[in-house]
């Protein structure tokens, strides 16, 4: 049986998802959660640094990120979101708004794949719909040309 190779950045994104999910669920210190998760999910040094930057950036911009997610929910409330979908949306929204070197299509695809892996049968389509609306309205214009 052939082992599937997971791209480095997907592994990093999944790690960040786990960290912010735990942060959302427990309210413990981001630093403690990150260290604990790093003990259980090994990342190379570059991925660990990138994951810390992502996780810290998401938490530092959480109010803005959550506000945009709420604005783009249709026939749904933020409180009804599963914690999994909510934190995948947070990760994707952060990447769309604050990571200038990542194409929109890559962000959407990665979020969909993480949603399929960790969420429900409908999570991938749901996450795609919300992030697509956020991207069209709020992503920096230069990202449409990457």
C-alpha atoms as a PDB file:
ATOM      1  CA  UNK A   1       0.000   0.000   0.000  1.00  0.00           C
ATOM      2  CA  UNK A   2       1.385   3.392  -1.027  1.00  0.00           C
ATOM      3  CA  UNK A   3       1.678   5.995   1.721  1.00  0.00           C
ATOM      4  CA  UNK A   4       0.087   9.341   0.843  1.00  0.00           C
ATOM      5  CA  UNK A   5       2.493  12.261   1.175  1.00  0.00           C
ATOM      6  CA  UNK A   6       0.913  15.316   2.779  1.00  0.00           C
ATOM      7  CA  UNK A   7       2.407  18.637   1.631  1.00  0.00           C
ATOM      8  CA  UNK A   8       4.368  20.508   4.308  1.00  0.00           C
ATOM      9  CA  UNK A   9       2.082  23.537   4.331  1.00  0.00           C
ATOM     10  CA  UNK A  10      -1.051  21.369   4.669  1.00  0.00           C
ATOM     11  CA  UNK A  11       0.534  19.679   7.683  1.00  0.00           C
ATOM     12  CA  UNK A  12       1.290  23.134   9.105  1.00  0.00           C
ATOM     13  CA  UNK A  13      -2.294  24.326   8.478  1.00  0.00           C
ATOM     14  CA  UNK A  14      -3.761  21.223  10.129  1.00  0.00           C
ATOM     15  CA  UNK A  15      -1.491  21.849  13.108  1.00  0.00           C
ATOM     16  CA  UNK A  16      -2.680  25.472  13.343  1.00  0.00           C
ATOM     17  CA  UNK A  17      -6.286  24.294  13.110  1.00  0.00           C
ATOM     18  CA  UNK A  18      -5.719  21.931  16.053  1.00  0.00           C
ATOM     19  CA  UNK A  19      -4.111  24.711  18.099  1.00  0.00           C
ATOM     20  CA  UNK A  20      -6.847  27.295  17.534  1.00  0.00           C
ATOM     21  CA  UNK A  21      -9.544  24.642  18.008  1.00  0.00           C
ATOM     22  CA  UNK A  22      -8.082  23.798  21.429  1.00  0.00           C
ATOM     23  CA  UNK A  23      -7.702  27.488  22.235  1.00  0.00           C
ATOM     24  CA  UNK A  24     -11.351  28.074  21.362  1.00  0.00           C
ATOM     25  CA  UNK A  25     -12.472  25.037  23.341  1.00  0.00           C
ATOM     26  CA  UNK A  26     -10.339  25.417  26.477  1.00  0.00           C
ATOM     27  CA  UNK A  27      -9.404  29.093  26.660  1.00  0.00           C
ATOM     28  CA  UNK A  28      -5.942  28.034  27.858  1.00  0.00           C
ATOM     29  CA  UNK A  29      -2.872  30.057  26.958  1.00  0.00           C
ATOM     30  CA  UNK A  30      -1.981  29.921  23.266  1.00  0.00           C
ATOM     31  CA  UNK A  31       1.650  29.358  24.165  1.00  0.00           C
ATOM     32  CA  UNK A  32       0.837  26.329  26.351  1.00  0.00           C
ATOM     33  CA  UNK A  33      -1.499  24.829  23.751  1.00  0.00           C
ATOM     34  CA  UNK A  34       1.080  25.336  21.015  1.00  0.00           C
ATOM     35  CA  UNK A  35       3.848  23.661  23.038  1.00  0.00           C
ATOM     36  CA  UNK A  36       1.594  20.745  23.991  1.00  0.00           C
ATOM     37  CA  UNK A  37       0.441  20.232  20.404  1.00  0.00           C
ATOM     38  CA  UNK A  38       4.029  20.426  19.171  1.00  0.00           C
ATOM     39  CA  UNK A  39       4.964  17.589  21.549  1.00  0.00           C
ATOM     40  CA  UNK A  40       2.314  15.383  19.934  1.00  0.00           C
ATOM     41  CA  UNK A  41       2.437  16.547  16.297  1.00  0.00           C
ATOM     42  CA  UNK A  42       6.007  16.873  15.158  1.00  0.00           C
ATOM     43  CA  UNK A  43       6.727  19.712  12.746  1.00  0.00           C
ATOM     44  CA  UNK A  44      10.000  20.683  11.137  1.00  0.00           C
ATOM     45  CA  UNK A  45      11.516  23.939  12.379  1.00  0.00           C
ATOM     46  CA  UNK A  46      10.285  26.023   9.424  1.00  0.00           C
ATOM     47  CA  UNK A  47       6.728  24.689   9.755  1.00  0.00           C
ATOM     48  CA  UNK A  48       6.721  25.243  13.519  1.00  0.00           C
ATOM     49  CA  UNK A  49       7.760  28.884  13.096  1.00  0.00           C
ATOM     50  CA  UNK A  50       5.158  29.409  10.373  1.00  0.00           C
ATOM     51  CA  UNK A  51       2.488  27.669  12.480  1.00  0.00           C
ATOM     52  CA  UNK A  52       3.256  29.924  15.464  1.00  0.00           C
ATOM     53  CA  UNK A  53       2.990  33.021  13.252  1.00  0.00           C
ATOM     54  CA  UNK A  54      -0.378  31.810  11.896  1.00  0.00           C
ATOM     55  CA  UNK A  55      -1.817  30.853  15.301  1.00  0.00           C
ATOM     56  CA  UNK A  56      -0.660  34.080  16.949  1.00  0.00           C
ATOM     57  CA  UNK A  57      -1.948  36.147  14.025  1.00  0.00           C
ATOM     58  CA  UNK A  58      -5.354  34.480  14.137  1.00  0.00           C
ATOM     59  CA  UNK A  59      -5.762  35.093  17.864  1.00  0.00           C
ATOM     60  CA  UNK A  60      -4.494  38.683  17.621  1.00  0.00           C
ATOM     61  CA  UNK A  61      -7.037  39.413  14.857  1.00  0.00           C
ATOM     62  CA  UNK A  62      -9.849  37.223  16.179  1.00  0.00           C
ATOM     63  CA  UNK A  63     -12.427  40.003  16.558  1.00  0.00           C
ATOM     64  CA  UNK A  64     -11.958  41.192  12.972  1.00  0.00           C
ATOM     65  CA  UNK A  65     -11.916  37.629  11.619  1.00  0.00           C
ATOM     66  CA  UNK A  66     -15.053  36.599  13.528  1.00  0.00           C
ATOM     67  CA  UNK A  67     -16.824  39.791  12.455  1.00  0.00           C
ATOM     68  CA  UNK A  68     -16.200  38.989   8.781  1.00  0.00           C
ATOM     69  CA  UNK A  69     -17.322  35.398   9.201  1.00  0.00           C
ATOM     70  CA  UNK A  70     -20.538  36.575  10.905  1.00  0.00           C
ATOM     71  CA  UNK A  71     -21.159  39.085   8.120  1.00  0.00           C
ATOM     72  CA  UNK A  72     -20.978  36.373   5.449  1.00  0.00           C
ATOM     73  CA  UNK A  73     -23.098  33.692   7.104  1.00  0.00           C
ATOM     74  CA  UNK A  74     -26.382  33.307   5.252  1.00  0.00           C
ATOM     75  CA  UNK A  75     -29.343  31.789   7.122  1.00  0.00           C
ATOM     76  CA  UNK A  76     -26.949  30.758   9.881  1.00  0.00           C
ATOM     77  CA  UNK A  77     -25.658  32.254  13.115  1.00  0.00           C
ATOM     78  CA  UNK A  78     -22.099  32.257  14.383  1.00  0.00           C
ATOM     79  CA  UNK A  79     -23.224  30.538  17.577  1.00  0.00           C
ATOM     80  CA  UNK A  80     -24.630  27.609  15.560  1.00  0.00           C
ATOM     81  CA  UNK A  81     -21.327  26.917  13.798  1.00  0.00           C
ATOM     82  CA  UNK A  82     -19.593  23.739  14.832  1.00  0.00           C
ATOM     83  CA  UNK A  83     -16.287  24.473  16.537  1.00  0.00           C
ATOM     84  CA  UNK A  84     -14.545  22.616  13.722  1.00  0.00           C
ATOM     85  CA  UNK A  85     -16.111  24.681  10.933  1.00  0.00           C
ATOM     86  CA  UNK A  86     -15.672  27.923  12.889  1.00  0.00           C
ATOM     87  CA  UNK A  87     -11.954  27.376  13.391  1.00  0.00           C
ATOM     88  CA  UNK A  88     -11.351  26.285   9.804  1.00  0.00           C
ATOM     89  CA  UNK A  89     -13.118  29.482   8.727  1.00  0.00           C
ATOM     90  CA  UNK A  90     -10.904  31.473  11.082  1.00  0.00           C
ATOM     91  CA  UNK A  91      -7.784  29.897   9.610  1.00  0.00           C
ATOM     92  CA  UNK A  92      -8.944  30.495   6.041  1.00  0.00           C
ATOM     93  CA  UNK A  93     -10.090  34.060   6.703  1.00  0.00           C
ATOM     94  CA  UNK A  94      -6.779  34.911   8.343  1.00  0.00           C
ATOM     95  CA  UNK A  95      -4.877  33.502   5.393  1.00  0.00           C
ATOM     96  CA  UNK A  96      -7.054  35.396   2.894  1.00  0.00           C
ATOM     97  CA  UNK A  97      -6.619  38.732   4.659  1.00  0.00           C
ATOM     98  CA  UNK A  98      -3.147  38.644   6.160  1.00  0.00           C
ATOM     99  CA  UNK A  99      -0.964  36.301   4.075  1.00  0.00           C
ATOM    100  CA  UNK A 100      -0.153  38.239   0.929  1.00  0.00           C
ATOM    101  CA  UNK A 101       1.902  35.526  -0.762  1.00  0.00           C
ATOM    102  CA  UNK A 102      -0.738  32.772  -0.778  1.00  0.00           C
ATOM    103  CA  UNK A 103      -3.118  32.662  -3.758  1.00  0.00           C
ATOM    104  CA  UNK A 104      -6.840  32.717  -2.959  1.00  0.00           C
ATOM    105  CA  UNK A 105      -7.388  29.392  -4.738  1.00  0.00           C
ATOM    106  CA  UNK A 106      -4.762  27.717  -2.559  1.00  0.00           C
ATOM    107  CA  UNK A 107      -6.363  29.053   0.628  1.00  0.00           C
ATOM    108  CA  UNK A 108      -9.821  27.868  -0.442  1.00  0.00           C
ATOM    109  CA  UNK A 109      -8.587  24.438  -1.521  1.00  0.00           C
ATOM    110  CA  UNK A 110      -6.611  23.894   1.678  1.00  0.00           C
ATOM    111  CA  UNK A 111      -9.543  24.938   3.881  1.00  0.00           C
ATOM    112  CA  UNK A 112     -11.876  22.610   1.974  1.00  0.00           C
ATOM    113  CA  UNK A 113      -9.484  19.672   2.373  1.00  0.00           C
ATOM    114  CA  UNK A 114      -9.083  20.314   6.116  1.00  0.00           C
ATOM    115  CA  UNK A 115     -12.884  20.603   6.444  1.00  0.00           C
ATOM    116  CA  UNK A 116     -13.339  17.283   4.648  1.00  0.00           C
ATOM    117  CA  UNK A 117     -10.803  15.634   6.955  1.00  0.00           C
ATOM    118  CA  UNK A 118     -12.019  17.023  10.288  1.00  0.00           C
ATOM    119  CA  UNK A 119     -15.589  18.192   9.676  1.00  0.00           C
ATOM    120  CA  UNK A 120     -18.901  16.733   8.608  1.00  0.00           C
ATOM    121  CA  UNK A 121     -19.924  15.598   5.123  1.00  0.00           C
ATOM    122  CA  UNK A 122     -21.171  19.128   4.407  1.00  0.00           C
ATOM    123  CA  UNK A 123     -18.248  21.044   5.930  1.00  0.00           C
ATOM    124  CA  UNK A 124     -16.199  21.317   2.731  1.00  0.00           C
ATOM    125  CA  UNK A 125     -18.956  22.980   0.705  1.00  0.00           C
ATOM    126  CA  UNK A 126     -20.009  25.164   3.635  1.00  0.00           C
ATOM    127  CA  UNK A 127     -16.466  26.416   4.304  1.00  0.00           C
ATOM    128  CA  UNK A 128     -15.918  27.002   0.576  1.00  0.00           C
ATOM    129  CA  UNK A 129     -19.055  29.125   0.280  1.00  0.00           C
ATOM    130  CA  UNK A 130     -18.223  31.375   3.230  1.00  0.00           C
ATOM    131  CA  UNK A 131     -14.539  31.805   2.360  1.00  0.00           C
ATOM    132  CA  UNK A 132     -15.345  32.478  -1.289  1.00  0.00           C
ATOM    133  CA  UNK A 133     -17.652  35.350  -0.277  1.00  0.00           C
ATOM    134  CA  UNK A 134     -15.039  36.724   2.133  1.00  0.00           C
ATOM    135  CA  UNK A 135     -12.333  36.510  -0.545  1.00  0.00           C
ATOM    136  CA  UNK A 136     -14.416  38.302  -3.181  1.00  0.00           C
ATOM    137  CA  UNK A 137     -15.250  41.166  -0.869  1.00  0.00           C
ATOM    138  CA  UNK A 138     -12.227  41.501   1.425  1.00  0.00           C
ATOM    139  CA  UNK A 139      -9.079  39.863   0.039  1.00  0.00           C
ATOM    140  CA  UNK A 140      -6.401  42.320  -1.083  1.00  0.00           C
ATOM    141  CA  UNK A 141      -6.773  42.968  -4.847  1.00  0.00           C
ATOM    142  CA  UNK A 142      -3.247  41.791  -5.681  1.00  0.00           C
ATOM    143  CA  UNK A 143      -4.110  38.303  -4.438  1.00  0.00           C
ATOM    144  CA  UNK A 144      -6.452  37.844  -7.395  1.00  0.00           C
ATOM    145  CA  UNK A 145      -3.396  37.963  -9.677  1.00  0.00           C
ATOM    146  CA  UNK A 146      -1.211  35.439  -7.815  1.00  0.00           C
END
